[in-house]
């Protein structure tokens, strides 16, 4: 390890990890348990997605399109917070919806992590230097034909979001403890293409957190519950 790398670990990585450890203490997502629940960075998860079978009759023809999102956890004195965005109403897809920063994986992206970091920088001006990646959740398939790989990371609490006005209307935080509490997640019935289907939804003041975003958070909770 070079002196520059050692300095980065000592001055940024370790203090940020310690802040996260303190913010998660006593919760379902205690630091070591959270790390056990995630796929390691060295081994991104394979497979079409844990929900693929539910969408076989809905997906567009052709291969799935690779995408990635950043599930950023911010350690605050009041507890860990999750960064979410609300899309602008002018977007062709997902207009006005709440989601994680992220998007399609481009040819120049080395992997899902690189895509998530690039998209987060473009959408909310999050510098990669203020992000400490922790691992991956299971891939999730969207009804629009994307295979989304969620990257879980700790974000420097000093970060100040600057939304890209063409894409992001708002950046906000929700307590991780709220999102991990089973009683705050409900299943909603919708009718799509003549069939009753079920989607997950959180109700947070002023925001509707549902669909893929709620499902990714549910996957985080399930992996934590399965990794005591």
Protein backbone atom coordinates (compact mmCIF):
# COMPACT_ATOMS: atom_id res chain seq x y z
CA UNK A 1 0.00 0.00 0.00
CA UNK A 2 1.39 3.41 -0.95
CA UNK A 3 1.63 6.30 1.49
CA UNK A 4 -1.21 8.05 -0.33
CA UNK A 5 -3.44 4.97 -0.05
CA UNK A 6 -2.53 4.53 3.61
CA UNK A 7 -3.39 8.17 4.28
CA UNK A 8 -6.78 7.75 2.58
CA UNK A 9 -7.58 4.72 4.75
CA UNK A 10 -6.49 6.39 7.99
CA UNK A 11 -8.03 9.80 7.33
CA UNK A 12 -11.23 8.90 5.48
CA UNK A 13 -12.17 5.22 5.36
CA UNK A 14 -11.70 4.30 9.03
CA UNK A 15 -13.36 7.42 10.51
CA UNK A 16 -16.35 7.01 8.16
CA UNK A 17 -16.69 3.32 9.03
CA UNK A 18 -16.58 4.17 12.74
CA UNK A 19 -19.31 6.78 12.31
CA UNK A 20 -21.42 4.17 10.52
CA UNK A 21 -20.77 1.62 13.27
CA UNK A 22 -21.96 4.10 15.89
CA UNK A 23 -25.04 5.12 13.87
CA UNK A 24 -26.10 1.48 13.38
CA UNK A 25 -25.47 0.31 16.93
CA UNK A 26 -28.44 -1.55 18.40
CA UNK A 27 -30.31 -1.79 15.09
CA UNK A 28 -31.12 -4.70 12.79
CA UNK A 29 -28.36 -3.43 10.51
CA UNK A 30 -25.49 -3.39 13.01
CA UNK A 31 -22.25 -2.85 11.12
CA UNK A 32 -20.84 -6.38 11.14
CA UNK A 33 -24.26 -7.90 10.44
CA UNK A 34 -24.75 -5.50 7.53
CA UNK A 35 -21.44 -6.55 6.01
CA UNK A 36 -22.36 -10.23 6.34
CA UNK A 37 -25.69 -9.59 4.64
CA UNK A 38 -24.13 -8.05 1.52
CA UNK A 39 -22.47 -9.69 -1.45
CA UNK A 40 -18.79 -8.71 -1.26
CA UNK A 41 -17.45 -6.08 -3.65
CA UNK A 42 -15.00 -8.61 -5.08
CA UNK A 43 -17.88 -10.90 -6.15
CA UNK A 44 -20.85 -9.06 -7.68
CA UNK A 45 -24.01 -11.20 -7.60
CA UNK A 46 -24.95 -13.21 -10.70
CA UNK A 47 -28.37 -14.30 -11.92
CA UNK A 48 -31.31 -12.56 -13.53
CA UNK A 49 -32.77 -11.14 -10.33
CA UNK A 50 -34.66 -12.46 -7.31
CA UNK A 51 -38.03 -11.33 -8.70
CA UNK A 52 -37.56 -12.39 -12.34
CA UNK A 53 -40.18 -15.15 -12.25
CA UNK A 54 -42.87 -12.64 -11.26
CA UNK A 55 -42.34 -10.65 -14.46
CA UNK A 56 -42.00 -13.32 -17.15
CA UNK A 57 -45.23 -12.23 -18.86
CA UNK A 58 -44.42 -8.51 -18.65
CA UNK A 59 -40.82 -8.05 -19.75
CA UNK A 60 -40.05 -6.60 -23.18
CA UNK A 61 -38.36 -8.95 -25.67
CA UNK A 62 -34.59 -9.26 -25.70
CA UNK A 63 -31.91 -9.39 -23.02
CA UNK A 64 -32.17 -7.43 -19.81
CA UNK A 65 -30.39 -4.06 -19.71
CA UNK A 66 -27.77 -3.72 -16.96
CA UNK A 67 -28.22 -0.89 -14.46
CA UNK A 68 -27.01 0.01 -10.98
CA UNK A 69 -28.17 2.19 -8.09
CA UNK A 70 -26.45 3.51 -4.98
CA UNK A 71 -28.17 2.79 -1.66
CA UNK A 72 -26.24 5.38 0.31
CA UNK A 73 -26.33 5.25 4.12
CA UNK A 74 -25.41 8.46 5.92
CA UNK A 75 -24.29 8.16 9.57
CA UNK A 76 -25.96 10.95 11.56
CA UNK A 77 -25.91 11.58 15.33
CA UNK A 78 -29.63 10.74 15.31
CA UNK A 79 -29.02 7.44 13.49
CA UNK A 80 -28.35 6.14 10.00
CA UNK A 81 -30.23 7.77 7.10
CA UNK A 82 -30.80 6.55 3.53
CA UNK A 83 -30.40 8.95 0.59
CA UNK A 84 -33.32 8.98 -1.84
CA UNK A 85 -34.26 11.20 -4.76
CA UNK A 86 -37.49 12.25 -6.40
CA UNK A 87 -37.34 12.41 -10.20
CA UNK A 88 -38.54 15.42 -12.13
CA UNK A 89 -41.96 15.29 -13.77
CA UNK A 90 -40.43 15.88 -17.22
CA UNK A 91 -38.60 12.55 -17.49
CA UNK A 92 -39.82 10.01 -20.03
CA UNK A 93 -39.50 7.12 -17.57
CA UNK A 94 -40.21 7.10 -13.82
CA UNK A 95 -41.32 10.76 -13.80
CA UNK A 96 -41.99 12.02 -10.30
CA UNK A 97 -41.04 8.73 -8.69
CA UNK A 98 -38.81 8.22 -5.67
CA UNK A 99 -35.67 6.15 -6.14
CA UNK A 100 -32.00 5.73 -5.46
CA UNK A 101 -29.42 7.63 -7.51
CA UNK A 102 -28.44 5.41 -10.43
CA UNK A 103 -29.15 4.33 -13.95
CA UNK A 104 -28.07 2.32 -16.95
CA UNK A 105 -24.58 0.80 -17.00
CA UNK A 106 -22.58 2.40 -19.83
CA UNK A 107 -19.89 0.64 -21.91
CA UNK A 108 -17.16 2.66 -20.16
CA UNK A 109 -18.27 1.53 -16.70
CA UNK A 110 -15.98 -1.13 -15.30
CA UNK A 111 -18.77 -2.72 -13.26
CA UNK A 112 -21.98 -2.00 -11.36
CA UNK A 113 -20.08 -0.11 -8.68
CA UNK A 114 -18.54 2.22 -11.26
CA UNK A 115 -21.95 2.80 -12.83
CA UNK A 116 -23.59 3.59 -9.48
CA UNK A 117 -20.82 6.03 -8.53
CA UNK A 118 -20.90 7.76 -11.93
CA UNK A 119 -24.68 8.14 -11.93
CA UNK A 120 -24.69 9.42 -8.34
CA UNK A 121 -22.12 12.05 -9.24
CA UNK A 122 -24.12 13.09 -12.29
CA UNK A 123 -27.51 13.18 -10.53
CA UNK A 124 -26.75 14.61 -7.09
CA UNK A 125 -23.07 15.71 -7.36
CA UNK A 126 -21.87 13.01 -4.95
CA UNK A 127 -18.06 12.80 -5.26
CA UNK A 128 -16.70 9.23 -5.23
CA UNK A 129 -14.21 10.38 -2.58
CA UNK A 130 -17.13 10.83 -0.17
CA UNK A 131 -18.41 7.28 -0.71
CA UNK A 132 -17.19 4.09 0.96
CA UNK A 133 -18.76 1.08 -0.85
CA UNK A 134 -19.70 -1.84 1.40
CA UNK A 135 -21.18 -4.49 -0.90
CA UNK A 136 -24.09 -5.51 -3.14
CA UNK A 137 -27.69 -6.54 -2.66
CA UNK A 138 -29.40 -9.08 -4.92
CA UNK A 139 -30.14 -7.91 -8.48
CA UNK A 140 -33.70 -6.77 -9.12
CA UNK A 141 -35.54 -6.86 -12.44
CA UNK A 142 -37.81 -3.95 -13.36
CA UNK A 143 -40.94 -4.14 -15.48
CA UNK A 144 -39.15 -2.01 -18.08
CA UNK A 145 -36.50 -4.69 -18.66
CA UNK A 146 -33.60 -3.54 -16.49
CA UNK A 147 -31.51 -5.78 -14.25
CA UNK A 148 -30.61 -3.44 -11.41
CA UNK A 149 -27.66 -4.15 -9.11
CA UNK A 150 -27.92 -2.17 -5.84
CA UNK A 151 -24.65 -1.01 -4.29
CA UNK A 152 -24.79 -0.33 -0.55
CA UNK A 153 -22.34 2.31 0.65
CA UNK A 154 -21.66 4.68 3.51
CA UNK A 155 -21.73 8.35 2.52
CA UNK A 156 -19.80 11.11 4.24
CA UNK A 157 -22.27 13.11 6.39
CA UNK A 158 -20.51 16.28 5.22
CA UNK A 159 -21.80 15.66 1.68
CA UNK A 160 -24.19 18.34 0.40
CA UNK A 161 -26.40 17.20 -2.46
CA UNK A 162 -26.79 19.33 -5.59
CA UNK A 163 -29.63 17.90 -7.70
CA UNK A 164 -29.20 17.82 -11.47
CA UNK A 165 -32.25 19.94 -12.39
CA UNK A 166 -33.05 18.01 -15.57
CA UNK A 167 -33.38 14.72 -13.67
CA UNK A 168 -33.76 15.24 -9.94
CA UNK A 169 -36.42 17.41 -8.32
CA UNK A 170 -35.45 16.66 -4.72
CA UNK A 171 -32.91 14.81 -2.58
CA UNK A 172 -34.01 13.72 0.88
CA UNK A 173 -33.16 11.26 3.66
CA UNK A 174 -35.25 8.65 5.45
CA UNK A 175 -34.15 6.90 8.67
CA UNK A 176 -32.85 3.42 7.95
CA UNK A 177 -34.62 2.16 11.07
CA UNK A 178 -37.97 3.25 9.60
CA UNK A 179 -37.26 1.46 6.32
CA UNK A 180 -36.25 -1.75 8.10
CA UNK A 181 -39.34 -1.91 10.33
CA UNK A 182 -41.78 -4.49 8.86
CA UNK A 183 -44.83 -2.52 10.00
CA UNK A 184 -43.87 0.41 7.75
CA UNK A 185 -43.94 -1.65 4.54
CA UNK A 186 -47.23 -2.65 2.99
CA UNK A 187 -48.32 -4.62 -0.05
CA UNK A 188 -50.61 -2.86 -2.51
CA UNK A 189 -52.73 -4.54 -5.19
CA UNK A 190 -52.71 -3.06 -8.67
CA UNK A 191 -54.19 -4.28 -11.94
CA UNK A 192 -51.74 -4.41 -14.82
CA UNK A 193 -52.36 -6.01 -18.21
CA UNK A 194 -55.50 -7.64 -16.94
CA UNK A 195 -53.93 -9.27 -13.89
CA UNK A 196 -53.88 -8.36 -10.22
CA UNK A 197 -50.31 -7.82 -9.10
CA UNK A 198 -48.71 -6.83 -5.83
CA UNK A 199 -46.21 -4.03 -5.25
CA UNK A 200 -44.51 -2.88 -2.06
CA UNK A 201 -44.89 0.62 -0.66
CA UNK A 202 -43.72 2.80 2.21
CA UNK A 203 -45.58 5.94 3.17
CA UNK A 204 -43.22 8.70 4.24
CA UNK A 205 -44.44 12.27 4.84
CA UNK A 206 -44.71 13.99 1.47
CA UNK A 207 -43.27 11.03 -0.46
CA UNK A 208 -44.41 7.72 -1.92
CA UNK A 209 -41.63 5.14 -1.79
CA UNK A 210 -42.82 2.17 -3.81
CA UNK A 211 -42.09 -0.31 -6.58
CA UNK A 212 -38.46 -1.19 -7.28
CA UNK A 213 -37.12 1.12 -4.56
CA UNK A 214 -39.33 -0.42 -1.87
CA UNK A 215 -38.47 -3.91 -3.14
CA UNK A 216 -34.72 -3.22 -2.93
CA UNK A 217 -35.14 -2.01 0.67
CA UNK A 218 -37.19 -5.12 1.42
CA UNK A 219 -34.37 -7.25 0.01
CA UNK A 220 -31.95 -5.48 2.37
CA UNK A 221 -34.18 -6.27 5.34
CA UNK A 222 -34.60 -9.91 4.34
CA UNK A 223 -30.85 -10.40 3.89
CA UNK A 224 -30.24 -8.85 7.34
CA UNK A 225 -32.83 -11.15 8.90
CA UNK A 226 -31.20 -14.17 7.26
CA UNK A 227 -27.70 -13.21 8.46
CA UNK A 228 -27.85 -12.90 12.27
